[in-house]
């Protein structure tokens, strides 16, 4: 079963869940704010896809950060702490397969990768 991490009110996450349902892909949904997102989860995603992919630098949360906080995103020692404190900075959705394979986002390329997980 694929785990989909995101925000319950995020339109892209809703589209991704509908897309999975339409394909009868078994999945569970976890909200990055409401469910138990651990630093270990964040670190695993960073290891899998890197900070450039995982951090949503286009959103209002990123734009609202001061320069010192943005600098923490560039430091491998502080980026997990930054994302744990600001889960809306995580690009959504995050798909995690049982084997740990991680896909971030929901463009055509990411959809093809997610189809390969099933």
PDB file of N, CA and C in Angstrom:
ATOM      1  N   UNK A   1       0.840  -1.176   0.000  1.00  0.00           N
ATOM      2  CA  UNK A   1       0.000   0.000   0.000  1.00  0.00           C
ATOM      3  C   UNK A   1       0.887   1.243   0.000  1.00  0.00           C
ATOM      4  N   UNK A   2       0.557   2.173  -0.855  1.00  0.00           N
ATOM      5  CA  UNK A   2       1.286   3.440  -0.947  1.00  0.00           C
ATOM      6  C   UNK A   2       0.750   4.390   0.121  1.00  0.00           C
ATOM      7  N   UNK A   3       1.659   5.093   0.773  1.00  0.00           N
ATOM      8  CA  UNK A   3       1.263   6.144   1.705  1.00  0.00           C
ATOM      9  C   UNK A   3       1.423   7.475   0.998  1.00  0.00           C
ATOM     10  N   UNK A   4       0.379   8.278   1.057  1.00  0.00           N
ATOM     11  CA  UNK A   4       0.394   9.605   0.448  1.00  0.00           C
ATOM     12  C   UNK A   4       0.403  10.623   1.580  1.00  0.00           C
ATOM     13  N   UNK A   5       1.457  11.437   1.631  1.00  0.00           N
ATOM     14  CA  UNK A   5       1.555  12.515   2.612  1.00  0.00           C
ATOM     15  C   UNK A   5       1.209  13.822   1.927  1.00  0.00           C
ATOM     16  N   UNK A   6       0.456  14.658   2.616  1.00  0.00           N
ATOM     17  CA  UNK A   6       0.110  15.957   2.062  1.00  0.00           C
ATOM     18  C   UNK A   6      -0.697  16.759   3.055  1.00  0.00           C
ATOM     19  N   UNK A   7      -1.466  17.687   2.542  1.00  0.00           N
ATOM     20  CA  UNK A   7      -2.394  18.478   3.353  1.00  0.00           C
ATOM     21  C   UNK A   7      -3.804  18.153   2.884  1.00  0.00           C
ATOM     22  N   UNK A   8      -4.704  17.919   3.826  1.00  0.00           N
ATOM     23  CA  UNK A   8      -6.050  17.477   3.436  1.00  0.00           C
ATOM     24  C   UNK A   8      -6.783  18.499   2.578  1.00  0.00           C
ATOM     25  N   UNK A   9      -6.454  19.780   2.708  1.00  0.00           N
ATOM     26  CA  UNK A   9      -7.130  20.812   1.921  1.00  0.00           C
ATOM     27  C   UNK A   9      -6.373  21.214   0.658  1.00  0.00           C
ATOM     28  N   UNK A  10      -5.268  20.575   0.384  1.00  0.00           N
ATOM     29  CA  UNK A  10      -4.450  20.884  -0.795  1.00  0.00           C
ATOM     30  C   UNK A  10      -5.130  20.310  -2.046  1.00  0.00           C
ATOM     31  N   UNK A  11      -5.390  21.166  -3.017  1.00  0.00           N
ATOM     32  CA  UNK A  11      -6.052  20.720  -4.248  1.00  0.00           C
ATOM     33  C   UNK A  11      -5.246  19.659  -4.984  1.00  0.00           C
ATOM     34  N   UNK A  12      -3.937  19.819  -5.034  1.00  0.00           N
ATOM     35  CA  UNK A  12      -3.099  18.838  -5.725  1.00  0.00           C
ATOM     36  C   UNK A  12      -3.159  17.489  -5.016  1.00  0.00           C
ATOM     37  N   UNK A  13      -3.165  17.502  -3.697  1.00  0.00           N
ATOM     38  CA  UNK A  13      -3.271  16.254  -2.943  1.00  0.00           C
ATOM     39  C   UNK A  13      -4.620  15.587  -3.185  1.00  0.00           C
ATOM     40  N   UNK A  14      -5.673  16.377  -3.253  1.00  0.00           N
ATOM     41  CA  UNK A  14      -7.002  15.831  -3.552  1.00  0.00           C
ATOM     42  C   UNK A  14      -7.020  15.193  -4.937  1.00  0.00           C
ATOM     43  N   UNK A  15      -6.417  15.866  -5.909  1.00  0.00           N
ATOM     44  CA  UNK A  15      -6.354  15.317  -7.273  1.00  0.00           C
ATOM     45  C   UNK A  15      -5.571  14.014  -7.291  1.00  0.00           C
ATOM     46  N   UNK A  16      -4.475  13.970  -6.544  1.00  0.00           N
ATOM     47  CA  UNK A  16      -3.648  12.763  -6.498  1.00  0.00           C
ATOM     48  C   UNK A  16      -4.419  11.597  -5.888  1.00  0.00           C
ATOM     49  N   UNK A  17      -5.144  11.856  -4.832  1.00  0.00           N
ATOM     50  CA  UNK A  17      -5.921  10.798  -4.192  1.00  0.00           C
ATOM     51  C   UNK A  17      -7.030  10.301  -5.121  1.00  0.00           C
ATOM     52  N   UNK A  18      -7.693  11.208  -5.819  1.00  0.00           N
ATOM     53  CA  UNK A  18      -8.723  10.819  -6.786  1.00  0.00           C
ATOM     54  C   UNK A  18      -8.102  10.002  -7.907  1.00  0.00           C
ATOM     55  N   UNK A  19      -6.945  10.431  -8.382  1.00  0.00           N
ATOM     56  CA  UNK A  19      -6.223   9.735  -9.444  1.00  0.00           C
ATOM     57  C   UNK A  19      -5.904   8.304  -9.011  1.00  0.00           C
ATOM     58  N   UNK A  20      -5.442   8.138  -7.771  1.00  0.00           N
ATOM     59  CA  UNK A  20      -5.149   6.797  -7.258  1.00  0.00           C
ATOM     60  C   UNK A  20      -6.430   5.973  -7.143  1.00  0.00           C
ATOM     61  N   UNK A  21      -7.490   6.581  -6.631  1.00  0.00           N
ATOM     62  CA  UNK A  21      -8.777   5.880  -6.517  1.00  0.00           C
ATOM     63  C   UNK A  21      -9.278   5.422  -7.884  1.00  0.00           C
ATOM     64  N   UNK A  22      -9.166   6.288  -8.886  1.00  0.00           N
ATOM     65  CA  UNK A  22      -9.615   5.956 -10.241  1.00  0.00           C
ATOM     66  C   UNK A  22      -8.860   4.763 -10.815  1.00  0.00           C
ATOM     67  N   UNK A  23      -7.656   4.538 -10.337  1.00  0.00           N
ATOM     68  CA  UNK A  23      -6.831   3.426 -10.804  1.00  0.00           C
ATOM     69  C   UNK A  23      -6.859   2.248  -9.833  1.00  0.00           C
ATOM     70  N   UNK A  24      -7.725   2.330  -8.834  1.00  0.00           N
ATOM     71  CA  UNK A  24      -7.874   1.276  -7.815  1.00  0.00           C
ATOM     72  C   UNK A  24      -6.556   0.955  -7.124  1.00  0.00           C
ATOM     73  N   UNK A  25      -5.757   1.983  -6.882  1.00  0.00           N
ATOM     74  CA  UNK A  25      -4.481   1.810  -6.183  1.00  0.00           C
ATOM     75  C   UNK A  25      -4.742   1.947  -4.686  1.00  0.00           C
ATOM     76  N   UNK A  26      -4.411   0.903  -3.957  1.00  0.00           N
ATOM     77  CA  UNK A  26      -4.575   0.916  -2.515  1.00  0.00           C
ATOM     78  C   UNK A  26      -3.608   1.923  -1.909  1.00  0.00           C
ATOM     79  N   UNK A  27      -4.134   2.841  -1.104  1.00  0.00           N
ATOM     80  CA  UNK A  27      -3.275   3.859  -0.496  1.00  0.00           C
ATOM     81  C   UNK A  27      -3.892   4.372   0.796  1.00  0.00           C
ATOM     82  N   UNK A  28      -3.041   4.961   1.605  1.00  0.00           N
ATOM     83  CA  UNK A  28      -3.516   5.651   2.803  1.00  0.00           C
ATOM     84  C   UNK A  28      -3.031   7.087   2.713  1.00  0.00           C
ATOM     85  N   UNK A  29      -3.758   7.984   3.364  1.00  0.00           N
ATOM     86  CA  UNK A  29      -3.395   9.394   3.343  1.00  0.00           C
ATOM     87  C   UNK A  29      -3.017   9.842   4.740  1.00  0.00           C
ATOM     88  N   UNK A  30      -1.930  10.598   4.822  1.00  0.00           N
ATOM     89  CA  UNK A  30      -1.501  11.185   6.094  1.00  0.00           C
ATOM     90  C   UNK A  30      -1.275  12.671   5.879  1.00  0.00           C
ATOM     91  N   UNK A  31      -1.795  13.446   6.800  1.00  0.00           N
ATOM     92  CA  UNK A  31      -1.651  14.899   6.750  1.00  0.00           C
ATOM     93  C   UNK A  31      -0.343  15.289   7.438  1.00  0.00           C
ATOM     94  N   UNK A  32       0.496  16.060   6.748  1.00  0.00           N
ATOM     95  CA  UNK A  32       1.802  16.425   7.310  1.00  0.00           C
ATOM     96  C   UNK A  32       1.665  17.298   8.554  1.00  0.00           C
ATOM     97  N   UNK A  33       0.538  17.947   8.716  1.00  0.00           N
ATOM     98  CA  UNK A  33       0.330  18.772   9.915  1.00  0.00           C
ATOM     99  C   UNK A  33      -0.334  17.980  11.035  1.00  0.00           C
ATOM    100  N   UNK A  34      -1.324  17.176  10.701  1.00  0.00           N
ATOM    101  CA  UNK A  34      -2.151  16.526  11.722  1.00  0.00           C
ATOM    102  C   UNK A  34      -1.633  15.161  12.160  1.00  0.00           C
ATOM    103  N   UNK A  35      -0.968  14.443  11.278  1.00  0.00           N
ATOM    104  CA  UNK A  35      -0.495  13.099  11.604  1.00  0.00           C
ATOM    105  C   UNK A  35       0.961  13.149  12.041  1.00  0.00           C
ATOM    106  N   UNK A  36       1.419  12.049  12.557  1.00  0.00           N
ATOM    107  CA  UNK A  36       2.735  12.016  13.195  1.00  0.00           C
ATOM    108  C   UNK A  36       3.877  11.964  12.178  1.00  0.00           C
ATOM    109  N   UNK A  37       4.181  13.107  11.596  1.00  0.00           N
ATOM    110  CA  UNK A  37       5.328  13.222  10.697  1.00  0.00           C
ATOM    111  C   UNK A  37       6.579  13.319  11.562  1.00  0.00           C
ATOM    112  N   UNK A  38       7.462  12.358  11.414  1.00  0.00           N
ATOM    113  CA  UNK A  38       8.650  12.323  12.265  1.00  0.00           C
ATOM    114  C   UNK A  38       9.861  12.902  11.540  1.00  0.00           C
ATOM    115  N   UNK A  39      10.850  13.342  12.303  1.00  0.00           N
ATOM    116  CA  UNK A  39      12.105  13.768  11.676  1.00  0.00           C
ATOM    117  C   UNK A  39      12.727  12.647  10.835  1.00  0.00           C
ATOM    118  N   UNK A  40      12.504  11.402  11.254  1.00  0.00           N
ATOM    119  CA  UNK A  40      13.008  10.270  10.481  1.00  0.00           C
ATOM    120  C   UNK A  40      12.363  10.168   9.111  1.00  0.00           C
ATOM    121  N   UNK A  41      11.050  10.439   9.045  1.00  0.00           N
ATOM    122  CA  UNK A  41      10.356  10.454   7.755  1.00  0.00           C
ATOM    123  C   UNK A  41      10.957  11.526   6.852  1.00  0.00           C
ATOM    124  N   UNK A  42      11.118  12.717   7.409  1.00  0.00           N
ATOM    125  CA  UNK A  42      11.657  13.834   6.624  1.00  0.00           C
ATOM    126  C   UNK A  42      13.056  13.505   6.132  1.00  0.00           C
ATOM    127  N   UNK A  43      13.889  12.942   7.000  1.00  0.00           N
ATOM    128  CA  UNK A  43      15.255  12.602   6.607  1.00  0.00           C
ATOM    129  C   UNK A  43      15.259  11.550   5.501  1.00  0.00           C
ATOM    130  N   UNK A  44      14.371  10.564   5.601  1.00  0.00           N
ATOM    131  CA  UNK A  44      14.286   9.528   4.561  1.00  0.00           C
ATOM    132  C   UNK A  44      13.912  10.144   3.221  1.00  0.00           C
ATOM    133  N   UNK A  45      12.978  11.094   3.229  1.00  0.00           N
ATOM    134  CA  UNK A  45      12.580  11.757   1.983  1.00  0.00           C
ATOM    135  C   UNK A  45      13.730  12.584   1.425  1.00  0.00           C
ATOM    136  N   UNK A  46      14.440  13.282   2.299  1.00  0.00           N
ATOM    137  CA  UNK A  46      15.595  14.067   1.848  1.00  0.00           C
ATOM    138  C   UNK A  46      16.653  13.161   1.237  1.00  0.00           C
ATOM    139  N   UNK A  47      16.892  12.015   1.877  1.00  0.00           N
ATOM    140  CA  UNK A  47      17.871  11.061   1.347  1.00  0.00           C
ATOM    141  C   UNK A  47      17.438  10.536  -0.020  1.00  0.00           C
ATOM    142  N   UNK A  48      16.128  10.360  -0.201  1.00  0.00           N
ATOM    143  CA  UNK A  48      15.608   9.786  -1.445  1.00  0.00           C
ATOM    144  C   UNK A  48      15.576  10.781  -2.594  1.00  0.00           C
ATOM    145  N   UNK A  49      15.160  12.028  -2.315  1.00  0.00           N
ATOM    146  CA  UNK A  49      14.935  12.967  -3.424  1.00  0.00           C
ATOM    147  C   UNK A  49      15.742  14.254  -3.324  1.00  0.00           C
ATOM    148  N   UNK A  50      16.296  14.551  -2.160  1.00  0.00           N
ATOM    149  CA  UNK A  50      17.081  15.772  -1.988  1.00  0.00           C
ATOM    150  C   UNK A  50      16.229  16.976  -1.619  1.00  0.00           C
ATOM    151  N   UNK A  51      16.874  17.955  -1.024  1.00  0.00           N
ATOM    152  CA  UNK A  51      16.181  19.163  -0.558  1.00  0.00           C
ATOM    153  C   UNK A  51      15.617  19.979  -1.710  1.00  0.00           C
ATOM    154  N   UNK A  52      16.310  20.001  -2.842  1.00  0.00           N
ATOM    155  CA  UNK A  52      15.822  20.802  -3.975  1.00  0.00           C
ATOM    156  C   UNK A  52      14.451  20.337  -4.453  1.00  0.00           C
ATOM    157  N   UNK A  53      14.195  19.050  -4.368  1.00  0.00           N
ATOM    158  CA  UNK A  53      12.897  18.508  -4.780  1.00  0.00           C
ATOM    159  C   UNK A  53      11.881  18.614  -3.644  1.00  0.00           C
ATOM    160  N   UNK A  54      12.314  18.326  -2.420  1.00  0.00           N
ATOM    161  CA  UNK A  54      11.375  18.231  -1.302  1.00  0.00           C
ATOM    162  C   UNK A  54      10.858  19.578  -0.811  1.00  0.00           C
ATOM    163  N   UNK A  55      11.672  20.615  -0.883  1.00  0.00           N
ATOM    164  CA  UNK A  55      11.253  21.913  -0.351  1.00  0.00           C
ATOM    165  C   UNK A  55      10.472  22.687  -1.407  1.00  0.00           C
ATOM    166  N   UNK A  56       9.290  23.135  -1.016  1.00  0.00           N
ATOM    167  CA  UNK A  56       8.435  23.932  -1.895  1.00  0.00           C
ATOM    168  C   UNK A  56       8.830  25.402  -1.758  1.00  0.00           C
ATOM    169  N   UNK A  57       9.645  25.853  -2.678  1.00  0.00           N
ATOM    170  CA  UNK A  57      10.119  27.237  -2.636  1.00  0.00           C
ATOM    171  C   UNK A  57       9.186  28.196  -3.384  1.00  0.00           C
ATOM    172  N   UNK A  58       8.064  27.702  -3.872  1.00  0.00           N
ATOM    173  CA  UNK A  58       7.122  28.547  -4.614  1.00  0.00           C
ATOM    174  C   UNK A  58       5.929  28.980  -3.765  1.00  0.00           C
ATOM    175  N   UNK A  59       5.779  28.400  -2.594  1.00  0.00           N
ATOM    176  CA  UNK A  59       4.599  28.664  -1.784  1.00  0.00           C
ATOM    177  C   UNK A  59       4.717  29.867  -0.871  1.00  0.00           C
ATOM    178  N   UNK A  60       3.592  30.210  -0.283  1.00  0.00           N
ATOM    179  CA  UNK A  60       3.552  31.370   0.608  1.00  0.00           C
ATOM    180  C   UNK A  60       4.331  31.131   1.894  1.00  0.00           C
ATOM    181  N   UNK A  61       4.412  29.882   2.337  1.00  0.00           N
ATOM    182  CA  UNK A  61       5.174  29.602   3.558  1.00  0.00           C
ATOM    183  C   UNK A  61       6.642  29.943   3.343  1.00  0.00           C
ATOM    184  N   UNK A  62       7.198  29.542   2.197  1.00  0.00           N
ATOM    185  CA  UNK A  62       8.598  29.855   1.889  1.00  0.00           C
ATOM    186  C   UNK A  62       8.800  31.365   1.797  1.00  0.00           C
ATOM    187  N   UNK A  63       7.920  32.025   1.093  1.00  0.00           N
ATOM    188  CA  UNK A  63       8.058  33.477   0.918  1.00  0.00           C
ATOM    189  C   UNK A  63       7.943  34.220   2.241  1.00  0.00           C
ATOM    190  N   UNK A  64       7.262  33.629   3.208  1.00  0.00           N
ATOM    191  CA  UNK A  64       7.104  34.264   4.509  1.00  0.00           C
ATOM    192  C   UNK A  64       8.270  34.067   5.456  1.00  0.00           C
ATOM    193  N   UNK A  65       9.214  33.198   5.084  1.00  0.00           N
ATOM    194  CA  UNK A  65      10.375  32.956   5.943  1.00  0.00           C
ATOM    195  C   UNK A  65      11.375  34.098   5.832  1.00  0.00           C
ATOM    196  N   UNK A  66      12.055  34.368   6.937  1.00  0.00           N
ATOM    197  CA  UNK A  66      13.134  35.356   6.872  1.00  0.00           C
ATOM    198  C   UNK A  66      14.377  34.692   6.275  1.00  0.00           C
ATOM    199  N   UNK A  67      15.376  35.497   5.960  1.00  0.00           N
ATOM    200  CA  UNK A  67      16.579  34.982   5.296  1.00  0.00           C
ATOM    201  C   UNK A  67      17.312  33.949   6.142  1.00  0.00           C
ATOM    202  N   UNK A  68      17.299  34.116   7.457  1.00  0.00           N
ATOM    203  CA  UNK A  68      17.976  33.159   8.333  1.00  0.00           C
ATOM    204  C   UNK A  68      17.310  31.785   8.248  1.00  0.00           C
ATOM    205  N   UNK A  69      15.994  31.769   8.222  1.00  0.00           N
ATOM    206  CA  UNK A  69      15.272  30.498   8.107  1.00  0.00           C
ATOM    207  C   UNK A  69      15.515  29.863   6.743  1.00  0.00           C
ATOM    208  N   UNK A  70      15.522  30.667   5.696  1.00  0.00           N
ATOM    209  CA  UNK A  70      15.794  30.133   4.355  1.00  0.00           C
ATOM    210  C   UNK A  70      17.195  29.539   4.277  1.00  0.00           C
ATOM    211  N   UNK A  71      18.139  30.141   4.986  1.00  0.00           N
ATOM    212  CA  UNK A  71      19.509  29.619   4.999  1.00  0.00           C
ATOM    213  C   UNK A  71      19.554  28.237   5.652  1.00  0.00           C
ATOM    214  N   UNK A  72      18.659  27.987   6.602  1.00  0.00           N
ATOM    215  CA  UNK A  72      18.610  26.668   7.249  1.00  0.00           C
ATOM    216  C   UNK A  72      18.232  25.577   6.258  1.00  0.00           C
ATOM    217  N   UNK A  73      17.531  25.934   5.197  1.00  0.00           N
ATOM    218  CA  UNK A  73      17.145  24.956   4.180  1.00  0.00           C
ATOM    219  C   UNK A  73      18.345  24.470   3.382  1.00  0.00           C
ATOM    220  N   UNK A  74      19.415  25.237   3.396  1.00  0.00           N
ATOM    221  CA  UNK A  74      20.619  24.877   2.641  1.00  0.00           C
ATOM    222  C   UNK A  74      21.599  24.050   3.471  1.00  0.00           C
ATOM    223  N   UNK A  75      21.337  23.917   4.761  1.00  0.00           N
ATOM    224  CA  UNK A  75      22.232  23.207   5.676  1.00  0.00           C
ATOM    225  C   UNK A  75      21.635  21.841   5.999  1.00  0.00           C
ATOM    226  N   UNK A  76      22.354  20.787   5.653  1.00  0.00           N
ATOM    227  CA  UNK A  76      21.831  19.435   5.859  1.00  0.00           C
ATOM    228  C   UNK A  76      21.576  19.129   7.332  1.00  0.00           C
ATOM    229  N   UNK A  77      22.207  19.862   8.229  1.00  0.00           N
ATOM    230  CA  UNK A  77      22.018  19.621   9.661  1.00  0.00           C
ATOM    231  C   UNK A  77      20.757  20.289  10.202  1.00  0.00           C
ATOM    232  N   UNK A  78      20.270  21.325   9.531  1.00  0.00           N
ATOM    233  CA  UNK A  78      19.120  22.061  10.060  1.00  0.00           C
ATOM    234  C   UNK A  78      17.867  21.962   9.192  1.00  0.00           C
ATOM    235  N   UNK A  79      17.987  21.393   8.012  1.00  0.00           N
ATOM    236  CA  UNK A  79      16.834  21.345   7.109  1.00  0.00           C
ATOM    237  C   UNK A  79      15.708  20.468   7.666  1.00  0.00           C
ATOM    238  N   UNK A  80      16.045  19.371   8.325  1.00  0.00           N
ATOM    239  CA  UNK A  80      15.006  18.504   8.902  1.00  0.00           C
ATOM    240  C   UNK A  80      14.226  19.270   9.964  1.00  0.00           C
ATOM    241  N   UNK A  81      14.946  19.981  10.804  1.00  0.00           N
ATOM    242  CA  UNK A  81      14.318  20.792  11.856  1.00  0.00           C
ATOM    243  C   UNK A  81      13.397  21.856  11.244  1.00  0.00           C
ATOM    244  N   UNK A  82      13.860  22.498  10.182  1.00  0.00           N
ATOM    245  CA  UNK A  82      13.065  23.522   9.507  1.00  0.00           C
ATOM    246  C   UNK A  82      11.772  22.931   8.954  1.00  0.00           C
ATOM    247  N   UNK A  83      11.865  21.787   8.279  1.00  0.00           N
ATOM    248  CA  UNK A  83      10.682  21.162   7.684  1.00  0.00           C
ATOM    249  C   UNK A  83       9.735  20.605   8.743  1.00  0.00           C
ATOM    250  N   UNK A  84      10.278  20.105   9.840  1.00  0.00           N
ATOM    251  CA  UNK A  84       9.425  19.610  10.925  1.00  0.00           C
ATOM    252  C   UNK A  84       8.635  20.754  11.557  1.00  0.00           C
ATOM    253  N   UNK A  85       9.263  21.909  11.673  1.00  0.00           N
ATOM    254  CA  UNK A  85       8.596  23.074  12.262  1.00  0.00           C
ATOM    255  C   UNK A  85       7.629  23.735  11.285  1.00  0.00           C
ATOM    256  N   UNK A  86       7.865  23.544   9.987  1.00  0.00           N
ATOM    257  CA  UNK A  86       7.053  24.178   8.936  1.00  0.00           C
ATOM    258  C   UNK A  86       6.665  23.135   7.889  1.00  0.00           C
ATOM    259  N   UNK A  87       5.788  22.180   8.223  1.00  0.00           N
ATOM    260  CA  UNK A  87       5.487  21.100   7.275  1.00  0.00           C
ATOM    261  C   UNK A  87       4.875  21.571   5.960  1.00  0.00           C
ATOM    262  N   UNK A  88       4.307  22.771   5.926  1.00  0.00           N
ATOM    263  CA  UNK A  88       3.762  23.284   4.664  1.00  0.00           C
ATOM    264  C   UNK A  88       4.870  23.603   3.667  1.00  0.00           C
ATOM    265  N   UNK A  89       6.130  23.605   4.112  1.00  0.00           N
ATOM    266  CA  UNK A  89       7.259  23.803   3.196  1.00  0.00           C
ATOM    267  C   UNK A  89       7.542  22.565   2.352  1.00  0.00           C
ATOM    268  N   UNK A  90       6.969  21.438   2.743  1.00  0.00           N
ATOM    269  CA  UNK A  90       7.209  20.193   2.019  1.00  0.00           C
ATOM    270  C   UNK A  90       6.347  20.187   0.762  1.00  0.00           C
ATOM    271  N   UNK A  91       7.003  19.976  -0.379  1.00  0.00           N
ATOM    272  CA  UNK A  91       6.266  19.894  -1.643  1.00  0.00           C
ATOM    273  C   UNK A  91       5.330  18.696  -1.569  1.00  0.00           C
ATOM    274  N   UNK A  92       4.152  18.878  -2.122  1.00  0.00           N
ATOM    275  CA  UNK A  92       3.126  17.857  -1.996  1.00  0.00           C
ATOM    276  C   UNK A  92       2.609  17.428  -3.365  1.00  0.00           C
ATOM    277  N   UNK A  93       2.066  16.215  -3.364  1.00  0.00           N
ATOM    278  CA  UNK A  93       2.084  15.174  -2.346  1.00  0.00           C
ATOM    279  C   UNK A  93       3.406  14.419  -2.345  1.00  0.00           C
ATOM    280  N   UNK A  94       3.621  13.691  -1.259  1.00  0.00           N
ATOM    281  CA  UNK A  94       4.773  12.793  -1.145  1.00  0.00           C
ATOM    282  C   UNK A  94       4.212  11.375  -1.140  1.00  0.00           C
ATOM    283  N   UNK A  95       4.596  10.589  -2.127  1.00  0.00           N
ATOM    284  CA  UNK A  95       4.168   9.192  -2.232  1.00  0.00           C
ATOM    285  C   UNK A  95       5.300   8.317  -1.707  1.00  0.00           C
ATOM    286  N   UNK A  96       4.975   7.397  -0.796  1.00  0.00           N
ATOM    287  CA  UNK A  96       5.989   6.498  -0.256  1.00  0.00           C
ATOM    288  C   UNK A  96       5.500   5.065  -0.426  1.00  0.00           C
ATOM    289  N   UNK A  97       6.282   4.276  -1.164  1.00  0.00           N
ATOM    290  CA  UNK A  97       5.961   2.869  -1.377  1.00  0.00           C
ATOM    291  C   UNK A  97       6.419   2.054  -0.166  1.00  0.00           C
ATOM    292  N   UNK A  98       5.913   0.837  -0.013  1.00  0.00           N
ATOM    293  CA  UNK A  98       6.322   0.001   1.121  1.00  0.00           C
ATOM    294  C   UNK A  98       7.836  -0.233   1.193  1.00  0.00           C
ATOM    295  N   UNK A  99       8.505  -0.232   0.045  1.00  0.00           N
ATOM    296  CA  UNK A  99       9.958  -0.438   0.047  1.00  0.00           C
ATOM    297  C   UNK A  99      10.737   0.850   0.310  1.00  0.00           C
ATOM    298  N   UNK A 100      10.016   1.956   0.550  1.00  0.00           N
ATOM    299  CA  UNK A 100      10.664   3.231   0.839  1.00  0.00           C
ATOM    300  C   UNK A 100      10.865   4.126  -0.369  1.00  0.00           C
ATOM    301  N   UNK A 101      10.590   3.612  -1.566  1.00  0.00           N
ATOM    302  CA  UNK A 101      10.704   4.447  -2.758  1.00  0.00           C
ATOM    303  C   UNK A 101       9.798   5.657  -2.592  1.00  0.00           C
ATOM    304  N   UNK A 102      10.347   6.841  -2.886  1.00  0.00           N
ATOM    305  CA  UNK A 102       9.640   8.094  -2.635  1.00  0.00           C
ATOM    306  C   UNK A 102       9.525   8.904  -3.915  1.00  0.00           C
ATOM    307  N   UNK A 103       8.324   9.413  -4.170  1.00  0.00           N
ATOM    308  CA  UNK A 103       8.058  10.285  -5.313  1.00  0.00           C
ATOM    309  C   UNK A 103       7.396  11.542  -4.762  1.00  0.00           C
ATOM    310  N   UNK A 104       7.917  12.704  -5.165  1.00  0.00           N
ATOM    311  CA  UNK A 104       7.390  13.978  -4.667  1.00  0.00           C
ATOM    312  C   UNK A 104       6.825  14.784  -5.828  1.00  0.00           C
ATOM    313  N   UNK A 105       5.590  15.252  -5.664  1.00  0.00           N
ATOM    314  CA  UNK A 105       4.939  16.059  -6.691  1.00  0.00           C
ATOM    315  C   UNK A 105       3.904  15.252  -7.449  1.00  0.00           C
ATOM    316  N   UNK A 106       3.209  15.936  -8.368  1.00  0.00           N
ATOM    317  CA  UNK A 106       2.143  15.255  -9.098  1.00  0.00           C
ATOM    318  C   UNK A 106       2.060  15.698 -10.553  1.00  0.00           C
ATOM    319  N   UNK A 107       3.202  15.950 -11.166  1.00  0.00           N
ATOM    320  CA  UNK A 107       3.235  16.220 -12.597  1.00  0.00           C
ATOM    321  C   UNK A 107       3.160  14.911 -13.370  1.00  0.00           C
ATOM    322  N   UNK A 108       3.194  14.997 -14.688  1.00  0.00           N
ATOM    323  CA  UNK A 108       3.115  13.796 -15.539  1.00  0.00           C
ATOM    324  C   UNK A 108       4.253  12.819 -15.240  1.00  0.00           C
ATOM    325  N   UNK A 109       5.464  13.336 -15.064  1.00  0.00           N
ATOM    326  CA  UNK A 109       6.610  12.464 -14.788  1.00  0.00           C
ATOM    327  C   UNK A 109       6.430  11.742 -13.456  1.00  0.00           C
ATOM    328  N   UNK A 110       5.925  12.463 -12.447  1.00  0.00           N
ATOM    329  CA  UNK A 110       5.715  11.851 -11.136  1.00  0.00           C
ATOM    330  C   UNK A 110       4.588  10.826 -11.188  1.00  0.00           C
ATOM    331  N   UNK A 111       3.558  11.104 -11.973  1.00  0.00           N
ATOM    332  CA  UNK A 111       2.464  10.140 -12.117  1.00  0.00           C
ATOM    333  C   UNK A 111       2.985   8.838 -12.712  1.00  0.00           C
ATOM    334  N   UNK A 112       3.850   8.937 -13.700  1.00  0.00           N
ATOM    335  CA  UNK A 112       4.427   7.735 -14.310  1.00  0.00           C
ATOM    336  C   UNK A 112       5.247   6.956 -13.286  1.00  0.00           C
ATOM    337  N   UNK A 113       5.986   7.670 -12.449  1.00  0.00           N
ATOM    338  CA  UNK A 113       6.778   6.997 -11.409  1.00  0.00           C
ATOM    339  C   UNK A 113       5.869   6.306 -10.400  1.00  0.00           C
ATOM    340  N   UNK A 114       4.786   6.970 -10.017  1.00  0.00           N
ATOM    341  CA  UNK A 114       3.855   6.373  -9.054  1.00  0.00           C
ATOM    342  C   UNK A 114       3.194   5.141  -9.662  1.00  0.00           C
ATOM    343  N   UNK A 115       2.857   5.190 -10.934  1.00  0.00           N
ATOM    344  CA  UNK A 115       2.285   4.006 -11.592  1.00  0.00           C
ATOM    345  C   UNK A 115       3.258   2.840 -11.535  1.00  0.00           C
ATOM    346  N   UNK A 116       4.550   3.137 -11.590  1.00  0.00           N
ATOM    347  CA  UNK A 116       5.563   2.095 -11.496  1.00  0.00           C
ATOM    348  C   UNK A 116       5.686   1.488 -10.107  1.00  0.00           C
ATOM    349  N   UNK A 117       5.152   2.158  -9.106  1.00  0.00           N
ATOM    350  CA  UNK A 117       5.213   1.650  -7.735  1.00  0.00           C
ATOM    351  C   UNK A 117       4.152   0.597  -7.467  1.00  0.00           C
ATOM    352  N   UNK A 118       3.109   0.582  -8.301  1.00  0.00           N
ATOM    353  CA  UNK A 118       1.972  -0.307  -8.015  1.00  0.00           C
ATOM    354  C   UNK A 118       2.144  -1.672  -8.628  1.00  0.00           C
TER     355      UNK A 118
END
